[in-house]
Amino acid sequence: MALVHPHTPADVGYGTVTLCATRATPDGGLQWAHLPVDRQLWAVEALRDGFRERARLEVGDEAAPVEVIE
């Protein structure tokens, strides 16, 4: 069974999107990091990769998948 980190509307603040980076831990668990991003900044395509990289840094894995929660 794949590990899943569920999200709720409470994960997204007013006027933001939330980036969620996840990685598997050595003990078989899941670690995640949430990064709220202002919607107006997220709308700028040229900035998105930088936000994704920051979310990956927060979780400690430069190759971690990043989900956008709106």
PDB file of N, CA and C in Angstrom:
ATOM      1  N   MET A   1       0.845  -1.176   0.000  1.00  0.00           N
ATOM      2  CA  MET A   1       0.000   0.000   0.000  1.00  0.00           C
ATOM      3  C   MET A   1       0.895   1.246   0.000  1.00  0.00           C
ATOM      4  N   ALA A   2       0.638   2.155  -0.911  1.00  0.00           N
ATOM      5  CA  ALA A   2       1.414   3.391  -1.012  1.00  0.00           C
ATOM      6  C   ALA A   2       1.028   4.349   0.113  1.00  0.00           C
ATOM      7  N   LEU A   3       2.025   5.006   0.646  1.00  0.00           N
ATOM      8  CA  LEU A   3       1.774   6.009   1.679  1.00  0.00           C
ATOM      9  C   LEU A   3       1.224   7.268   1.036  1.00  0.00           C
ATOM     10  N   VAL A   4       0.274   7.890   1.710  1.00  0.00           N
ATOM     11  CA  VAL A   4      -0.369   9.084   1.184  1.00  0.00           C
ATOM     12  C   VAL A   4      -0.438  10.130   2.290  1.00  0.00           C
ATOM     13  N   HIS A   5      -0.185  11.366   1.920  1.00  0.00           N
ATOM     14  CA  HIS A   5      -0.368  12.482   2.843  1.00  0.00           C
ATOM     15  C   HIS A   5      -1.601  13.246   2.371  1.00  0.00           C
ATOM     16  N   PRO A   6      -2.741  13.076   3.044  1.00  0.00           N
ATOM     17  CA  PRO A   6      -3.980  13.733   2.593  1.00  0.00           C
ATOM     18  C   PRO A   6      -3.974  15.225   2.893  1.00  0.00           C
ATOM     19  N   HIS A   7      -4.774  15.938   2.137  1.00  0.00           N
ATOM     20  CA  HIS A   7      -4.915  17.383   2.329  1.00  0.00           C
ATOM     21  C   HIS A   7      -6.370  17.753   2.533  1.00  0.00           C
ATOM     22  N   THR A   8      -6.572  18.855   3.261  1.00  0.00           N
ATOM     23  CA  THR A   8      -7.911  19.367   3.504  1.00  0.00           C
ATOM     24  C   THR A   8      -7.935  20.842   3.107  1.00  0.00           C
ATOM     25  N   PRO A   9      -9.110  21.438   2.999  1.00  0.00           N
ATOM     26  CA  PRO A   9      -9.177  22.872   2.693  1.00  0.00           C
ATOM     27  C   PRO A   9      -8.406  23.732   3.699  1.00  0.00           C
ATOM     28  N   ALA A  10      -8.228  23.245   4.913  1.00  0.00           N
ATOM     29  CA  ALA A  10      -7.497  24.000   5.933  1.00  0.00           C
ATOM     30  C   ALA A  10      -6.003  24.121   5.602  1.00  0.00           C
ATOM     31  N   ASP A  11      -5.521  23.310   4.666  1.00  0.00           N
ATOM     32  CA  ASP A  11      -4.110  23.374   4.265  1.00  0.00           C
ATOM     33  C   ASP A  11      -3.807  24.561   3.359  1.00  0.00           C
ATOM     34  N   VAL A  12      -4.849  25.239   2.890  1.00  0.00           N
ATOM     35  CA  VAL A  12      -4.665  26.345   1.953  1.00  0.00           C
ATOM     36  C   VAL A  12      -5.239  27.620   2.559  1.00  0.00           C
ATOM     37  N   GLY A  13      -4.376  28.579   2.805  1.00  0.00           N
ATOM     38  CA  GLY A  13      -4.816  29.844   3.373  1.00  0.00           C
ATOM     39  C   GLY A  13      -5.426  30.752   2.311  1.00  0.00           C
ATOM     40  N   TYR A  14      -6.138  31.756   2.763  1.00  0.00           N
ATOM     41  CA  TYR A  14      -6.768  32.720   1.862  1.00  0.00           C
ATOM     42  C   TYR A  14      -5.711  33.397   0.991  1.00  0.00           C
ATOM     43  N   GLY A  15      -5.926  33.411  -0.300  1.00  0.00           N
ATOM     44  CA  GLY A  15      -5.035  34.095  -1.225  1.00  0.00           C
ATOM     45  C   GLY A  15      -3.737  33.365  -1.515  1.00  0.00           C
ATOM     46  N   THR A  16      -3.683  32.082  -1.147  1.00  0.00           N
ATOM     47  CA  THR A  16      -2.459  31.311  -1.366  1.00  0.00           C
ATOM     48  C   THR A  16      -2.745  29.997  -2.072  1.00  0.00           C
ATOM     49  N   VAL A  17      -1.696  29.376  -2.557  1.00  0.00           N
ATOM     50  CA  VAL A  17      -1.688  27.955  -2.910  1.00  0.00           C
ATOM     51  C   VAL A  17      -0.675  27.341  -1.952  1.00  0.00           C
ATOM     52  N   THR A  18      -0.801  26.060  -1.699  1.00  0.00           N
ATOM     53  CA  THR A  18       0.140  25.372  -0.829  1.00  0.00           C
ATOM     54  C   THR A  18       0.890  24.333  -1.637  1.00  0.00           C
ATOM     55  N   LEU A  19       2.204  24.374  -1.559  1.00  0.00           N
ATOM     56  CA  LEU A  19       3.023  23.349  -2.193  1.00  0.00           C
ATOM     57  C   LEU A  19       3.349  22.313  -1.133  1.00  0.00           C
ATOM     58  N   CYS A  20       3.200  21.042  -1.476  1.00  0.00           N
ATOM     59  CA  CYS A  20       3.476  19.961  -0.546  1.00  0.00           C
ATOM     60  C   CYS A  20       4.533  19.053  -1.162  1.00  0.00           C
ATOM     61  N   ALA A  21       5.715  19.056  -0.561  1.00  0.00           N
ATOM     62  CA  ALA A  21       6.795  18.172  -0.981  1.00  0.00           C
ATOM     63  C   ALA A  21       6.810  16.971  -0.033  1.00  0.00           C
ATOM     64  N   THR A  22       6.966  15.770  -0.578  1.00  0.00           N
ATOM     65  CA  THR A  22       6.973  14.565   0.248  1.00  0.00           C
ATOM     66  C   THR A  22       8.175  13.697  -0.089  1.00  0.00           C
ATOM     67  N   ARG A  23       8.605  12.932   0.918  1.00  0.00           N
ATOM     68  CA  ARG A  23       9.668  11.953   0.694  1.00  0.00           C
ATOM     69  C   ARG A  23       9.461  10.787   1.641  1.00  0.00           C
ATOM     70  N   ALA A  24       9.895   9.626   1.207  1.00  0.00           N
ATOM     71  CA  ALA A  24       9.836   8.438   2.054  1.00  0.00           C
ATOM     72  C   ALA A  24      10.981   8.503   3.056  1.00  0.00           C
ATOM     73  N   THR A  25      10.729   8.058   4.269  1.00  0.00           N
ATOM     74  CA  THR A  25      11.766   8.032   5.305  1.00  0.00           C
ATOM     75  C   THR A  25      12.346   6.627   5.404  1.00  0.00           C
ATOM     76  N   PRO A  26      13.541   6.493   5.949  1.00  0.00           N
ATOM     77  CA  PRO A  26      14.179   5.174   6.042  1.00  0.00           C
ATOM     78  C   PRO A  26      13.372   4.139   6.825  1.00  0.00           C
ATOM     79  N   ASP A  27      12.542   4.592   7.756  1.00  0.00           N
ATOM     80  CA  ASP A  27      11.744   3.657   8.552  1.00  0.00           C
ATOM     81  C   ASP A  27      10.430   3.270   7.883  1.00  0.00           C
ATOM     82  N   GLY A  28      10.260   3.671   6.624  1.00  0.00           N
ATOM     83  CA  GLY A  28       9.047   3.311   5.885  1.00  0.00           C
ATOM     84  C   GLY A  28       7.926   4.313   6.012  1.00  0.00           C
ATOM     85  N   GLY A  29       8.170   5.408   6.679  1.00  0.00           N
ATOM     86  CA  GLY A  29       7.155   6.441   6.844  1.00  0.00           C
ATOM     87  C   GLY A  29       7.204   7.470   5.728  1.00  0.00           C
ATOM     88  N   LEU A  30       6.554   8.566   5.970  1.00  0.00           N
ATOM     89  CA  LEU A  30       6.466   9.643   4.992  1.00  0.00           C
ATOM     90  C   LEU A  30       6.717  10.969   5.698  1.00  0.00           C
ATOM     91  N   GLN A  31       7.575  11.784   5.111  1.00  0.00           N
ATOM     92  CA  GLN A  31       7.830  13.127   5.642  1.00  0.00           C
ATOM     93  C   GLN A  31       7.337  14.119   4.604  1.00  0.00           C
ATOM     94  N   TRP A  32       6.751  15.208   5.071  1.00  0.00           N
ATOM     95  CA  TRP A  32       6.261  16.221   4.147  1.00  0.00           C
ATOM     96  C   TRP A  32       6.571  17.608   4.677  1.00  0.00           C
ATOM     97  N   ALA A  33       6.532  18.567   3.753  1.00  0.00           N
ATOM     98  CA  ALA A  33       6.701  19.969   4.100  1.00  0.00           C
ATOM     99  C   ALA A  33       5.724  20.776   3.269  1.00  0.00           C
ATOM    100  N   HIS A  34       5.028  21.697   3.914  1.00  0.00           N
ATOM    101  CA  HIS A  34       4.095  22.587   3.226  1.00  0.00           C
ATOM    102  C   HIS A  34       4.728  23.966   3.080  1.00  0.00           C
ATOM    103  N   LEU A  35       4.572  24.538   1.908  1.00  0.00           N
ATOM    104  CA  LEU A  35       5.062  25.884   1.639  1.00  0.00           C
ATOM    105  C   LEU A  35       3.909  26.700   1.065  1.00  0.00           C
ATOM    106  N   PRO A  36       3.353  27.649   1.832  1.00  0.00           N
ATOM    107  CA  PRO A  36       2.309  28.516   1.278  1.00  0.00           C
ATOM    108  C   PRO A  36       2.941  29.551   0.351  1.00  0.00           C
ATOM    109  N   VAL A  37       2.284  29.789  -0.775  1.00  0.00           N
ATOM    110  CA  VAL A  37       2.765  30.745  -1.771  1.00  0.00           C
ATOM    111  C   VAL A  37       1.606  31.668  -2.159  1.00  0.00           C
ATOM    112  N   ASP A  38       1.852  32.943  -2.170  1.00  0.00           N
ATOM    113  CA  ASP A  38       0.849  33.916  -2.594  1.00  0.00           C
ATOM    114  C   ASP A  38       0.368  33.579  -4.007  1.00  0.00           C
ATOM    115  N   ARG A  39      -0.942  33.587  -4.218  1.00  0.00           N
ATOM    116  CA  ARG A  39      -1.506  33.240  -5.536  1.00  0.00           C
ATOM    117  C   ARG A  39      -0.992  34.141  -6.653  1.00  0.00           C
ATOM    118  N   GLN A  40      -0.804  35.412  -6.367  1.00  0.00           N
ATOM    119  CA  GLN A  40      -0.322  36.324  -7.404  1.00  0.00           C
ATOM    120  C   GLN A  40       1.109  35.989  -7.808  1.00  0.00           C
ATOM    121  N   LEU A  41       1.927  35.600  -6.856  1.00  0.00           N
ATOM    122  CA  LEU A  41       3.290  35.183  -7.196  1.00  0.00           C
ATOM    123  C   LEU A  41       3.292  33.844  -7.925  1.00  0.00           C
ATOM    124  N   TRP A  42       2.427  32.920  -7.483  1.00  0.00           N
ATOM    125  CA  TRP A  42       2.333  31.611  -8.135  1.00  0.00           C
ATOM    126  C   TRP A  42       1.877  31.761  -9.588  1.00  0.00           C
ATOM    127  N   ALA A  43       1.129  32.790  -9.896  1.00  0.00           N
ATOM    128  CA  ALA A  43       0.642  33.009 -11.263  1.00  0.00           C
ATOM    129  C   ALA A  43       1.775  33.376 -12.223  1.00  0.00           C
ATOM    130  N   VAL A  44       2.921  33.778 -11.696  1.00  0.00           N
ATOM    131  CA  VAL A  44       4.069  34.133 -12.532  1.00  0.00           C
ATOM    132  C   VAL A  44       4.840  32.837 -12.837  1.00  0.00           C
ATOM    133  N   GLU A  45       4.687  32.349 -14.044  1.00  0.00           N
ATOM    134  CA  GLU A  45       5.284  31.066 -14.452  1.00  0.00           C
ATOM    135  C   GLU A  45       6.790  31.012 -14.172  1.00  0.00           C
ATOM    136  N   ALA A  46       7.495  32.105 -14.376  1.00  0.00           N
ATOM    137  CA  ALA A  46       8.948  32.138 -14.202  1.00  0.00           C
ATOM    138  C   ALA A  46       9.377  31.914 -12.753  1.00  0.00           C
ATOM    139  N   LEU A  47       8.482  32.094 -11.788  1.00  0.00           N
ATOM    140  CA  LEU A  47       8.814  31.924 -10.372  1.00  0.00           C
ATOM    141  C   LEU A  47       8.520  30.522  -9.845  1.00  0.00           C
ATOM    142  N   ARG A  48       7.723  29.762 -10.564  1.00  0.00           N
ATOM    143  CA  ARG A  48       7.235  28.491 -10.025  1.00  0.00           C
ATOM    144  C   ARG A  48       8.331  27.489  -9.700  1.00  0.00           C
ATOM    145  N   ASP A  49       9.318  27.333 -10.567  1.00  0.00           N
ATOM    146  CA  ASP A  49      10.385  26.363 -10.286  1.00  0.00           C
ATOM    147  C   ASP A  49      11.123  26.713  -9.001  1.00  0.00           C
ATOM    148  N   GLY A  50      11.332  27.993  -8.754  1.00  0.00           N
ATOM    149  CA  GLY A  50      11.992  28.410  -7.520  1.00  0.00           C
ATOM    150  C   GLY A  50      11.192  28.040  -6.284  1.00  0.00           C
ATOM    151  N   PHE A  51       9.875  28.193  -6.344  1.00  0.00           N
ATOM    152  CA  PHE A  51       9.026  27.796  -5.216  1.00  0.00           C
ATOM    153  C   PHE A  51       9.067  26.289  -5.011  1.00  0.00           C
ATOM    154  N   ARG A  52       9.034  25.533  -6.098  1.00  0.00           N
ATOM    155  CA  ARG A  52       9.113  24.067  -5.988  1.00  0.00           C
ATOM    156  C   ARG A  52      10.439  23.653  -5.345  1.00  0.00           C
ATOM    157  N   GLU A  53      11.538  24.280  -5.756  1.00  0.00           N
ATOM    158  CA  GLU A  53      12.847  23.969  -5.185  1.00  0.00           C
ATOM    159  C   GLU A  53      12.883  24.276  -3.688  1.00  0.00           C
ATOM    160  N   ARG A  54      12.274  25.376  -3.298  1.00  0.00           N
ATOM    161  CA  ARG A  54      12.245  25.726  -1.876  1.00  0.00           C
ATOM    162  C   ARG A  54      11.464  24.692  -1.067  1.00  0.00           C
ATOM    163  N   ALA A  55      10.344  24.213  -1.615  1.00  0.00           N
ATOM    164  CA  ALA A  55       9.563  23.173  -0.932  1.00  0.00           C
ATOM    165  C   ALA A  55      10.390  21.900  -0.794  1.00  0.00           C
ATOM    166  N   ARG A  56      11.145  21.560  -1.841  1.00  0.00           N
ATOM    167  CA  ARG A  56      12.006  20.366  -1.781  1.00  0.00           C
ATOM    168  C   ARG A  56      13.096  20.528  -0.727  1.00  0.00           C
ATOM    169  N   LEU A  57      13.660  21.722  -0.620  1.00  0.00           N
ATOM    170  CA  LEU A  57      14.664  21.975   0.420  1.00  0.00           C
ATOM    171  C   LEU A  57      14.077  21.786   1.814  1.00  0.00           C
ATOM    172  N   GLU A  58      12.839  22.227   1.998  1.00  0.00           N
ATOM    173  CA  GLU A  58      12.179  22.104   3.300  1.00  0.00           C
ATOM    174  C   GLU A  58      12.025  20.645   3.719  1.00  0.00           C
ATOM    175  N   VAL A  59      11.800  19.755   2.740  1.00  0.00           N
ATOM    176  CA  VAL A  59      11.618  18.338   3.063  1.00  0.00           C
ATOM    177  C   VAL A  59      12.956  17.583   3.026  1.00  0.00           C
ATOM    178  N   GLY A  60      14.001  18.232   2.517  1.00  0.00           N
ATOM    179  CA  GLY A  60      15.314  17.620   2.528  1.00  0.00           C
ATOM    180  C   GLY A  60      15.599  16.642   1.402  1.00  0.00           C
ATOM    181  N   ASP A  61      14.935  16.830   0.253  1.00  0.00           N
ATOM    182  CA  ASP A  61      15.153  15.938  -0.890  1.00  0.00           C
ATOM    183  C   ASP A  61      14.979  16.747  -2.164  1.00  0.00           C
ATOM    184  N   GLU A  62      16.075  16.984  -2.873  1.00  0.00           N
ATOM    185  CA  GLU A  62      16.015  17.827  -4.073  1.00  0.00           C
ATOM    186  C   GLU A  62      15.246  17.194  -5.217  1.00  0.00           C
ATOM    187  N   ALA A  63      14.892  15.918  -5.106  1.00  0.00           N
ATOM    188  CA  ALA A  63      14.114  15.249  -6.155  1.00  0.00           C
ATOM    189  C   ALA A  63      12.688  14.926  -5.694  1.00  0.00           C
ATOM    190  N   ALA A  64      12.282  15.437  -4.538  1.00  0.00           N
ATOM    191  CA  ALA A  64      10.950  15.117  -4.000  1.00  0.00           C
ATOM    192  C   ALA A  64       9.845  15.616  -4.919  1.00  0.00           C
ATOM    193  N   PRO A  65       8.786  14.830  -5.057  1.00  0.00           N
ATOM    194  CA  PRO A  65       7.639  15.328  -5.811  1.00  0.00           C
ATOM    195  C   PRO A  65       6.973  16.464  -5.040  1.00  0.00           C
ATOM    196  N   VAL A  66       6.427  17.425  -5.797  1.00  0.00           N
ATOM    197  CA  VAL A  66       5.757  18.572  -5.183  1.00  0.00           C
ATOM    198  C   VAL A  66       4.340  18.647  -5.746  1.00  0.00           C
ATOM    199  N   GLU A  67       3.376  18.597  -4.856  1.00  0.00           N
ATOM    200  CA  GLU A  67       1.961  18.711  -5.234  1.00  0.00           C
ATOM    201  C   GLU A  67       1.491  20.134  -4.966  1.00  0.00           C
ATOM    202  N   VAL A  68       0.699  20.666  -5.884  1.00  0.00           N
ATOM    203  CA  VAL A  68       0.115  22.003  -5.720  1.00  0.00           C
ATOM    204  C   VAL A  68      -1.311  21.823  -5.215  1.00  0.00           C
ATOM    205  N   ILE A  69      -1.603  22.407  -4.073  1.00  0.00           N
ATOM    206  CA  ILE A  69      -2.935  22.313  -3.479  1.00  0.00           C
ATOM    207  C   ILE A  69      -3.579  23.683  -3.571  1.00  0.00           C
ATOM    208  N   GLU A  70      -4.720  23.736  -4.268  1.00  0.00           N
ATOM    209  CA  GLU A  70      -5.406  25.030  -4.460  1.00  0.00           C
ATOM    210  C   GLU A  70      -6.738  25.034  -3.756  1.00  0.00           C
TER     211      GLU A  70
END
